[in-house]
Amino acid sequence: MQETSNRIVVGIDGSPDSEEALRWALREAATSGAEIDAVLVWSDPWALTGQSTLRSAGRDRTERLQDMLVQVVTTAVDAEHAGAVKLTQHVLAGNAAQVLAERSRGARMLVVGTTGLSGLRRWMLGSVSQRCAQLSGVPVVLVPIPPRHRDQDLAGTASAG
C-alpha cells in the first residue's frame, strides 16, 4: 500500500471551473497544512497517434501555457490570501485525465472543475473530470461551476436560442 502524502493535485485549464477548483484547494490546504500541486496539461489536438510532448507544443506555446498557469495561480492565491500555502506549478504534456491521475498517485486528493474550456472536445472525447474520477486512485473532488458563472452561461444560452 502506498503512503499518502499531504499533497493536493489540482487540474488547471484556464476555465472558470478550474480557477474555482484551485481556490477550493487553496482553502482546503490553508486549513489542513497540505501542499498544492497545480498542474496544467497540454495535449496536441492533432496528434492522432503517439503522445503529446511539450516539445511538439513549441517554445512559444509552452511559454504561453506557463504564463497562463502562473497568472491563474497568482490570481487565486491573492483572492484567497493563501500566500503561506506551499505550491508547485507544472505544465505537462499528454492526456489530461491520465496525466492528472498519474500525478495524483500518493496524493491526498485530486481536485478538478466540472467543466473545462472545450464543449466540442468534451462531447467527442468525454469529460476530463469524469475520466479523472474513473482513473484516479485517490479521492477526486469535482468543484462545480461558480453560481455567478452558471447564471451568465444560462443567460447566454437563453439569448442565443
N, C-alpha and C. Protein backbone atom coordinates (compact mmCIF):
# COMPACT_ATOMS: atom_id res chain seq x y z
N MET A 1 0.84 -1.18 0.00
CA MET A 1 0.00 0.00 0.00
C MET A 1 0.88 1.24 0.00
N GLN A 2 0.56 2.18 -0.88
CA GLN A 2 1.33 3.41 -1.00
C GLN A 2 0.91 4.41 0.07
N GLU A 3 1.91 5.02 0.68
CA GLU A 3 1.62 6.03 1.70
C GLU A 3 1.10 7.29 1.04
N THR A 4 0.11 7.91 1.67
CA THR A 4 -0.50 9.13 1.14
C THR A 4 0.21 10.34 1.71
N SER A 5 0.58 11.25 0.83
CA SER A 5 1.21 12.50 1.27
C SER A 5 0.13 13.55 1.51
N ASN A 6 0.51 14.62 2.15
CA ASN A 6 -0.43 15.71 2.39
C ASN A 6 -0.31 16.70 1.23
N ARG A 7 -0.60 16.20 0.03
CA ARG A 7 -0.48 16.97 -1.21
C ARG A 7 -1.82 16.91 -1.93
N ILE A 8 -2.24 18.05 -2.45
CA ILE A 8 -3.48 18.15 -3.23
C ILE A 8 -3.09 18.52 -4.65
N VAL A 9 -3.45 17.67 -5.60
CA VAL A 9 -3.19 17.93 -7.01
C VAL A 9 -4.42 18.62 -7.59
N VAL A 10 -4.20 19.72 -8.32
CA VAL A 10 -5.30 20.49 -8.91
C VAL A 10 -5.07 20.61 -10.41
N GLY A 11 -6.08 20.21 -11.19
CA GLY A 11 -6.02 20.35 -12.64
C GLY A 11 -6.45 21.75 -13.05
N ILE A 12 -5.62 22.41 -13.85
CA ILE A 12 -5.88 23.78 -14.29
C ILE A 12 -5.95 23.79 -15.82
N ASP A 13 -6.98 24.44 -16.37
CA ASP A 13 -7.03 24.62 -17.82
C ASP A 13 -7.38 26.06 -18.21
N GLY A 14 -7.47 26.94 -17.23
CA GLY A 14 -7.78 28.34 -17.52
C GLY A 14 -9.26 28.66 -17.50
N SER A 15 -10.11 27.65 -17.37
CA SER A 15 -11.55 27.88 -17.32
C SER A 15 -11.95 28.40 -15.93
N PRO A 16 -13.11 29.06 -15.84
CA PRO A 16 -13.59 29.49 -14.51
C PRO A 16 -13.73 28.31 -13.55
N ASP A 17 -14.10 27.15 -14.05
CA ASP A 17 -14.24 25.98 -13.18
C ASP A 17 -12.90 25.55 -12.59
N SER A 18 -11.85 25.55 -13.41
CA SER A 18 -10.56 25.14 -12.87
C SER A 18 -10.00 26.19 -11.91
N GLU A 19 -10.30 27.46 -12.18
CA GLU A 19 -9.89 28.51 -11.24
C GLU A 19 -10.61 28.33 -9.90
N GLU A 20 -11.88 28.00 -9.96
CA GLU A 20 -12.64 27.76 -8.72
C GLU A 20 -12.11 26.52 -8.00
N ALA A 21 -11.73 25.49 -8.77
CA ALA A 21 -11.15 24.29 -8.17
C ALA A 21 -9.86 24.63 -7.43
N LEU A 22 -9.04 25.47 -8.02
CA LEU A 22 -7.80 25.89 -7.36
C LEU A 22 -8.10 26.68 -6.09
N ARG A 23 -9.07 27.58 -6.16
CA ARG A 23 -9.42 28.36 -4.97
C ARG A 23 -9.93 27.44 -3.85
N TRP A 24 -10.75 26.45 -4.21
CA TRP A 24 -11.25 25.49 -3.22
C TRP A 24 -10.08 24.74 -2.59
N ALA A 25 -9.15 24.28 -3.44
CA ALA A 25 -7.99 23.54 -2.94
C ALA A 25 -7.11 24.41 -2.05
N LEU A 26 -6.96 25.67 -2.39
CA LEU A 26 -6.17 26.58 -1.54
C LEU A 26 -6.80 26.74 -0.17
N ARG A 27 -8.13 26.87 -0.13
CA ARG A 27 -8.81 26.97 1.17
C ARG A 27 -8.62 25.68 1.97
N GLU A 28 -8.73 24.55 1.32
CA GLU A 28 -8.52 23.26 1.98
C GLU A 28 -7.09 23.15 2.49
N ALA A 29 -6.13 23.53 1.67
CA ALA A 29 -4.72 23.45 2.06
C ALA A 29 -4.41 24.37 3.23
N ALA A 30 -5.02 25.55 3.24
CA ALA A 30 -4.77 26.51 4.32
C ALA A 30 -5.25 25.96 5.66
N THR A 31 -6.33 25.19 5.65
CA THR A 31 -6.84 24.65 6.91
C THR A 31 -6.20 23.33 7.30
N SER A 32 -5.65 22.60 6.34
CA SER A 32 -5.11 21.27 6.64
C SER A 32 -3.59 21.19 6.59
N GLY A 33 -2.95 22.26 6.14
CA GLY A 33 -1.50 22.24 6.03
C GLY A 33 -0.99 21.48 4.81
N ALA A 34 -1.87 21.19 3.87
CA ALA A 34 -1.48 20.45 2.67
C ALA A 34 -0.70 21.35 1.72
N GLU A 35 0.02 20.72 0.82
CA GLU A 35 0.71 21.41 -0.26
C GLU A 35 -0.13 21.29 -1.52
N ILE A 36 -0.04 22.27 -2.40
CA ILE A 36 -0.77 22.27 -3.66
C ILE A 36 0.19 21.97 -4.81
N ASP A 37 -0.24 21.10 -5.69
CA ASP A 37 0.48 20.79 -6.92
C ASP A 37 -0.46 21.20 -8.06
N ALA A 38 -0.28 22.41 -8.60
CA ALA A 38 -1.13 22.92 -9.68
C ALA A 38 -0.57 22.43 -11.01
N VAL A 39 -1.43 21.72 -11.78
CA VAL A 39 -0.96 21.06 -12.99
C VAL A 39 -1.81 21.49 -14.18
N LEU A 40 -1.15 22.03 -15.20
CA LEU A 40 -1.80 22.34 -16.46
C LEU A 40 -1.29 21.31 -17.47
N VAL A 41 -2.22 20.62 -18.12
CA VAL A 41 -1.84 19.57 -19.07
C VAL A 41 -2.15 20.05 -20.48
N TRP A 42 -1.15 19.97 -21.34
CA TRP A 42 -1.32 20.32 -22.74
C TRP A 42 -1.37 19.05 -23.56
N SER A 43 -2.33 19.01 -24.46
CA SER A 43 -2.36 17.90 -25.41
C SER A 43 -2.55 18.46 -26.81
N ASP A 44 -1.89 17.85 -27.75
CA ASP A 44 -1.95 18.27 -29.14
C ASP A 44 -3.22 17.72 -29.76
N PRO A 45 -4.18 18.58 -30.10
CA PRO A 45 -5.44 18.09 -30.64
C PRO A 45 -5.28 17.40 -31.99
N TRP A 46 -4.15 17.60 -32.66
CA TRP A 46 -3.93 16.99 -33.97
C TRP A 46 -3.12 15.71 -33.87
N ALA A 47 -2.62 15.38 -32.69
CA ALA A 47 -1.83 14.17 -32.53
C ALA A 47 -2.76 12.97 -32.41
N LEU A 48 -3.04 12.33 -33.52
CA LEU A 48 -3.95 11.19 -33.51
C LEU A 48 -3.25 9.93 -33.01
N THR A 49 -1.95 9.89 -33.16
CA THR A 49 -1.20 8.75 -32.66
C THR A 49 -0.03 9.29 -31.85
N GLY A 50 0.42 8.51 -30.94
CA GLY A 50 1.56 8.92 -30.14
C GLY A 50 1.16 9.88 -29.03
N GLN A 51 2.11 10.17 -28.20
CA GLN A 51 1.91 11.01 -27.03
C GLN A 51 2.30 12.46 -27.32
N SER A 52 1.51 13.39 -26.84
CA SER A 52 1.88 14.80 -26.96
C SER A 52 3.11 15.07 -26.10
N THR A 53 3.94 15.98 -26.57
CA THR A 53 5.10 16.40 -25.78
C THR A 53 5.12 17.92 -25.76
N LEU A 54 5.77 18.48 -24.76
CA LEU A 54 5.91 19.93 -24.74
C LEU A 54 6.79 20.41 -25.89
N ARG A 55 7.66 19.56 -26.34
CA ARG A 55 8.48 19.91 -27.50
C ARG A 55 7.59 20.12 -28.72
N SER A 56 6.57 19.27 -28.87
CA SER A 56 5.66 19.43 -30.01
C SER A 56 4.79 20.68 -29.86
N ALA A 57 4.66 21.19 -28.64
CA ALA A 57 3.91 22.42 -28.43
C ALA A 57 4.67 23.63 -28.94
N GLY A 58 5.98 23.50 -28.98
CA GLY A 58 6.80 24.64 -29.40
C GLY A 58 7.10 25.56 -28.23
N ARG A 59 8.19 26.28 -28.35
CA ARG A 59 8.63 27.14 -27.25
C ARG A 59 7.62 28.25 -26.94
N ASP A 60 7.07 28.90 -27.98
CA ASP A 60 6.12 30.00 -27.75
C ASP A 60 4.88 29.51 -27.03
N ARG A 61 4.30 28.40 -27.48
CA ARG A 61 3.09 27.89 -26.85
C ARG A 61 3.39 27.43 -25.42
N THR A 62 4.53 26.77 -25.23
CA THR A 62 4.89 26.32 -23.89
C THR A 62 5.04 27.50 -22.94
N GLU A 63 5.66 28.58 -23.41
CA GLU A 63 5.80 29.78 -22.58
C GLU A 63 4.43 30.39 -22.28
N ARG A 64 3.53 30.42 -23.26
CA ARG A 64 2.17 30.95 -23.03
C ARG A 64 1.43 30.09 -22.00
N LEU A 65 1.58 28.78 -22.09
CA LEU A 65 0.93 27.89 -21.12
C LEU A 65 1.47 28.14 -19.72
N GLN A 66 2.79 28.28 -19.61
CA GLN A 66 3.40 28.55 -18.30
C GLN A 66 2.94 29.90 -17.76
N ASP A 67 2.88 30.90 -18.63
CA ASP A 67 2.41 32.22 -18.21
C ASP A 67 0.95 32.16 -17.74
N MET A 68 0.11 31.41 -18.47
CA MET A 68 -1.29 31.29 -18.09
C MET A 68 -1.41 30.62 -16.72
N LEU A 69 -0.63 29.57 -16.50
CA LEU A 69 -0.67 28.88 -15.21
C LEU A 69 -0.24 29.82 -14.09
N VAL A 70 0.83 30.55 -14.28
CA VAL A 70 1.31 31.49 -13.27
C VAL A 70 0.23 32.52 -12.97
N GLN A 71 -0.42 33.05 -14.00
CA GLN A 71 -1.45 34.06 -13.79
C GLN A 71 -2.64 33.49 -13.02
N VAL A 72 -3.11 32.30 -13.40
CA VAL A 72 -4.24 31.68 -12.71
C VAL A 72 -3.89 31.44 -11.24
N VAL A 73 -2.70 30.90 -11.00
CA VAL A 73 -2.27 30.61 -9.63
C VAL A 73 -2.14 31.91 -8.82
N THR A 74 -1.50 32.91 -9.38
CA THR A 74 -1.31 34.18 -8.68
C THR A 74 -2.65 34.81 -8.31
N THR A 75 -3.58 34.82 -9.27
CA THR A 75 -4.90 35.40 -9.02
C THR A 75 -5.62 34.66 -7.90
N ALA A 76 -5.58 33.32 -7.94
CA ALA A 76 -6.26 32.52 -6.91
C ALA A 76 -5.62 32.69 -5.54
N VAL A 77 -4.30 32.67 -5.49
CA VAL A 77 -3.59 32.84 -4.22
C VAL A 77 -3.91 34.20 -3.62
N ASP A 78 -3.90 35.24 -4.44
CA ASP A 78 -4.24 36.58 -3.95
C ASP A 78 -5.68 36.64 -3.46
N ALA A 79 -6.61 36.08 -4.23
CA ALA A 79 -8.03 36.12 -3.86
C ALA A 79 -8.30 35.38 -2.56
N GLU A 80 -7.58 34.31 -2.34
CA GLU A 80 -7.79 33.50 -1.12
C GLU A 80 -6.84 33.88 0.01
N HIS A 81 -5.98 34.88 -0.20
CA HIS A 81 -4.99 35.28 0.80
C HIS A 81 -4.23 34.05 1.29
N ALA A 82 -3.76 33.25 0.31
CA ALA A 82 -3.14 31.96 0.61
C ALA A 82 -1.65 31.95 0.32
N GLY A 83 -1.00 33.08 0.53
CA GLY A 83 0.43 33.17 0.27
C GLY A 83 1.28 32.22 1.09
N ALA A 84 0.77 31.75 2.22
CA ALA A 84 1.54 30.85 3.07
C ALA A 84 1.44 29.39 2.62
N VAL A 85 0.53 29.08 1.70
CA VAL A 85 0.37 27.70 1.23
C VAL A 85 1.52 27.36 0.30
N LYS A 86 2.18 26.23 0.57
CA LYS A 86 3.26 25.78 -0.31
C LYS A 86 2.63 25.27 -1.60
N LEU A 87 3.14 25.76 -2.73
CA LEU A 87 2.52 25.47 -4.02
C LEU A 87 3.58 25.26 -5.08
N THR A 88 3.42 24.20 -5.87
CA THR A 88 4.27 23.99 -7.03
C THR A 88 3.40 24.05 -8.28
N GLN A 89 4.01 24.39 -9.40
CA GLN A 89 3.29 24.51 -10.66
C GLN A 89 4.01 23.69 -11.72
N HIS A 90 3.21 22.99 -12.53
CA HIS A 90 3.78 22.15 -13.58
C HIS A 90 2.94 22.26 -14.84
N VAL A 91 3.60 22.44 -15.98
CA VAL A 91 2.96 22.30 -17.28
C VAL A 91 3.48 20.99 -17.85
N LEU A 92 2.56 20.07 -18.10
CA LEU A 92 2.92 18.74 -18.57
C LEU A 92 2.16 18.43 -19.86
N ALA A 93 2.67 17.51 -20.64
CA ALA A 93 2.02 17.12 -21.89
C ALA A 93 1.42 15.73 -21.75
N GLY A 94 0.31 15.53 -22.47
CA GLY A 94 -0.32 14.21 -22.50
C GLY A 94 -1.82 14.32 -22.41
N ASN A 95 -2.46 13.21 -22.20
CA ASN A 95 -3.91 13.17 -21.99
C ASN A 95 -4.20 13.71 -20.60
N ALA A 96 -5.05 14.73 -20.52
CA ALA A 96 -5.25 15.43 -19.25
C ALA A 96 -5.66 14.50 -18.11
N ALA A 97 -6.66 13.68 -18.33
CA ALA A 97 -7.13 12.79 -17.25
C ALA A 97 -6.06 11.80 -16.83
N GLN A 98 -5.35 11.24 -17.79
CA GLN A 98 -4.30 10.28 -17.46
C GLN A 98 -3.15 10.93 -16.71
N VAL A 99 -2.74 12.11 -17.17
CA VAL A 99 -1.63 12.81 -16.51
C VAL A 99 -2.03 13.20 -15.09
N LEU A 100 -3.24 13.74 -14.91
CA LEU A 100 -3.69 14.14 -13.57
C LEU A 100 -3.82 12.94 -12.65
N ALA A 101 -4.36 11.84 -13.15
CA ALA A 101 -4.48 10.63 -12.32
C ALA A 101 -3.11 10.11 -11.92
N GLU A 102 -2.17 10.10 -12.85
CA GLU A 102 -0.81 9.65 -12.55
C GLU A 102 -0.14 10.59 -11.55
N ARG A 103 -0.29 11.89 -11.79
CA ARG A 103 0.34 12.89 -10.91
C ARG A 103 -0.22 12.81 -9.49
N SER A 104 -1.48 12.38 -9.35
CA SER A 104 -2.10 12.34 -8.03
C SER A 104 -1.80 11.06 -7.25
N ARG A 105 -1.06 10.14 -7.83
CA ARG A 105 -0.70 8.92 -7.07
C ARG A 105 0.00 9.32 -5.78
N GLY A 106 -0.49 8.79 -4.70
CA GLY A 106 0.10 9.08 -3.40
C GLY A 106 -0.32 10.41 -2.80
N ALA A 107 -1.11 11.19 -3.54
CA ALA A 107 -1.60 12.47 -3.01
C ALA A 107 -2.79 12.24 -2.10
N ARG A 108 -3.15 13.27 -1.39
CA ARG A 108 -4.33 13.21 -0.53
C ARG A 108 -5.61 13.22 -1.36
N MET A 109 -5.61 14.03 -2.44
CA MET A 109 -6.77 14.12 -3.31
C MET A 109 -6.39 14.79 -4.62
N LEU A 110 -7.29 14.64 -5.59
CA LEU A 110 -7.21 15.32 -6.88
C LEU A 110 -8.42 16.22 -6.98
N VAL A 111 -8.21 17.49 -7.33
CA VAL A 111 -9.29 18.46 -7.41
C VAL A 111 -9.36 18.99 -8.84
N VAL A 112 -10.55 18.91 -9.43
CA VAL A 112 -10.76 19.43 -10.78
C VAL A 112 -12.11 20.12 -10.85
N GLY A 113 -12.24 21.02 -11.82
CA GLY A 113 -13.53 21.64 -12.09
C GLY A 113 -14.42 20.66 -12.84
N THR A 114 -15.71 20.94 -12.85
CA THR A 114 -16.63 20.02 -13.51
C THR A 114 -16.73 20.25 -15.00
N THR A 115 -16.35 21.41 -15.47
CA THR A 115 -16.45 21.72 -16.90
C THR A 115 -15.22 22.46 -17.33
N GLY A 116 -14.65 22.07 -18.46
CA GLY A 116 -13.46 22.73 -18.98
C GLY A 116 -13.80 23.71 -20.08
N LEU A 117 -12.81 24.01 -20.90
CA LEU A 117 -12.97 25.04 -21.92
C LEU A 117 -13.63 24.56 -23.21
N SER A 118 -13.48 23.30 -23.57
CA SER A 118 -13.87 22.87 -24.89
C SER A 118 -15.12 21.99 -24.88
N GLY A 119 -16.26 22.57 -25.19
CA GLY A 119 -17.51 21.82 -25.24
C GLY A 119 -17.51 20.75 -26.32
N LEU A 120 -17.00 21.07 -27.52
CA LEU A 120 -16.97 20.10 -28.61
C LEU A 120 -16.06 18.94 -28.27
N ARG A 121 -14.91 19.26 -27.74
CA ARG A 121 -13.97 18.20 -27.37
C ARG A 121 -14.56 17.31 -26.28
N ARG A 122 -15.24 17.93 -25.30
CA ARG A 122 -15.87 17.16 -24.22
C ARG A 122 -16.93 16.23 -24.81
N TRP A 123 -17.69 16.74 -25.77
CA TRP A 123 -18.73 15.94 -26.39
C TRP A 123 -18.12 14.75 -27.13
N MET A 124 -17.00 14.98 -27.82
CA MET A 124 -16.38 13.92 -28.61
C MET A 124 -15.60 12.93 -27.76
N LEU A 125 -14.90 13.41 -26.77
CA LEU A 125 -13.96 12.58 -26.03
C LEU A 125 -14.39 12.27 -24.60
N GLY A 126 -15.38 12.97 -24.10
CA GLY A 126 -15.79 12.76 -22.72
C GLY A 126 -15.19 13.79 -21.80
N SER A 127 -15.75 13.92 -20.63
CA SER A 127 -15.33 14.91 -19.66
C SER A 127 -14.04 14.50 -18.98
N VAL A 128 -13.09 15.43 -18.90
CA VAL A 128 -11.84 15.16 -18.19
C VAL A 128 -12.13 14.86 -16.72
N SER A 129 -13.03 15.64 -16.12
CA SER A 129 -13.33 15.42 -14.70
C SER A 129 -13.94 14.03 -14.49
N GLN A 130 -14.81 13.62 -15.39
CA GLN A 130 -15.42 12.29 -15.30
C GLN A 130 -14.34 11.20 -15.44
N ARG A 131 -13.45 11.38 -16.38
CA ARG A 131 -12.39 10.40 -16.61
C ARG A 131 -11.42 10.37 -15.43
N CYS A 132 -11.14 11.53 -14.82
CA CYS A 132 -10.27 11.57 -13.63
C CYS A 132 -10.88 10.73 -12.52
N ALA A 133 -12.19 10.87 -12.33
CA ALA A 133 -12.88 10.10 -11.29
C ALA A 133 -12.77 8.61 -11.56
N GLN A 134 -12.73 8.21 -12.82
CA GLN A 134 -12.61 6.80 -13.17
C GLN A 134 -11.19 6.29 -13.00
N LEU A 135 -10.20 7.10 -13.30
CA LEU A 135 -8.80 6.66 -13.32
C LEU A 135 -8.05 6.83 -12.01
N SER A 136 -8.43 7.81 -11.23
CA SER A 136 -7.64 8.17 -10.05
C SER A 136 -7.75 7.12 -8.95
N GLY A 137 -6.62 6.93 -8.29
CA GLY A 137 -6.59 6.02 -7.14
C GLY A 137 -6.76 6.75 -5.82
N VAL A 138 -7.02 8.05 -5.89
CA VAL A 138 -7.23 8.86 -4.68
C VAL A 138 -8.60 9.53 -4.80
N PRO A 139 -9.13 10.05 -3.69
CA PRO A 139 -10.40 10.77 -3.79
C PRO A 139 -10.31 11.93 -4.78
N VAL A 140 -11.37 12.11 -5.56
CA VAL A 140 -11.44 13.18 -6.54
C VAL A 140 -12.55 14.13 -6.12
N VAL A 141 -12.21 15.40 -5.99
CA VAL A 141 -13.19 16.43 -5.67
C VAL A 141 -13.53 17.16 -6.97
N LEU A 142 -14.81 17.14 -7.33
CA LEU A 142 -15.29 17.85 -8.51
C LEU A 142 -15.93 19.15 -8.04
N VAL A 143 -15.30 20.26 -8.38
CA VAL A 143 -15.78 21.57 -7.95
C VAL A 143 -16.68 22.12 -9.05
N PRO A 144 -17.94 22.38 -8.74
CA PRO A 144 -18.87 22.85 -9.78
C PRO A 144 -18.60 24.28 -10.21
N ILE A 145 -19.19 24.62 -11.34
CA ILE A 145 -19.07 25.98 -11.85
C ILE A 145 -19.64 26.95 -10.80
N PRO A 146 -18.96 28.06 -10.57
CA PRO A 146 -19.45 29.01 -9.58
C PRO A 146 -20.82 29.57 -10.00
N PRO A 147 -21.71 29.82 -9.05
CA PRO A 147 -23.05 30.34 -9.39
C PRO A 147 -23.01 31.58 -10.27
N ARG A 148 -22.05 32.48 -10.04
CA ARG A 148 -22.00 33.70 -10.85
C ARG A 148 -21.74 33.36 -12.32
N HIS A 149 -20.94 32.34 -12.60
CA HIS A 149 -20.67 31.94 -13.99
C HIS A 149 -21.82 31.11 -14.54
N ARG A 150 -22.44 30.29 -13.71
CA ARG A 150 -23.57 29.47 -14.14
C ARG A 150 -24.70 30.37 -14.61
N ASP A 151 -24.99 31.43 -13.85
CA ASP A 151 -26.04 32.37 -14.23
C ASP A 151 -25.72 33.05 -15.56
N GLN A 152 -24.45 33.43 -15.76
CA GLN A 152 -24.03 34.06 -17.01
C GLN A 152 -24.18 33.09 -18.17
N ASP A 153 -23.77 31.81 -17.96
CA ASP A 153 -23.88 30.81 -19.00
C ASP A 153 -25.34 30.56 -19.38
N LEU A 154 -26.22 30.48 -18.39
CA LEU A 154 -27.63 30.25 -18.66
C LEU A 154 -28.24 31.42 -19.40
N ALA A 155 -27.85 32.65 -19.03
CA ALA A 155 -28.38 33.84 -19.71
C ALA A 155 -27.90 33.86 -21.16
N GLY A 156 -26.64 33.48 -21.39
CA GLY A 156 -26.11 33.44 -22.74
C GLY A 156 -26.78 32.39 -23.60
N THR A 157 -27.08 31.22 -23.00
CA THR A 157 -27.76 30.16 -23.72
C THR A 157 -29.18 30.57 -24.09
N ALA A 158 -29.87 31.22 -23.16
CA ALA A 158 -31.24 31.64 -23.41
C ALA A 158 -31.31 32.69 -24.53
N SER A 159 -30.36 33.62 -24.55
CA SER A 159 -30.40 34.67 -25.58
C SER A 159 -29.90 34.15 -26.93
N ALA A 160 -29.09 33.07 -26.90
CA ALA A 160 -28.57 32.52 -28.15
C ALA A 160 -29.63 31.71 -28.88
N GLY A 161 -30.64 31.20 -28.16
CA GLY A 161 -31.64 30.32 -28.76
C GLY A 161 -32.75 31.03 -29.36
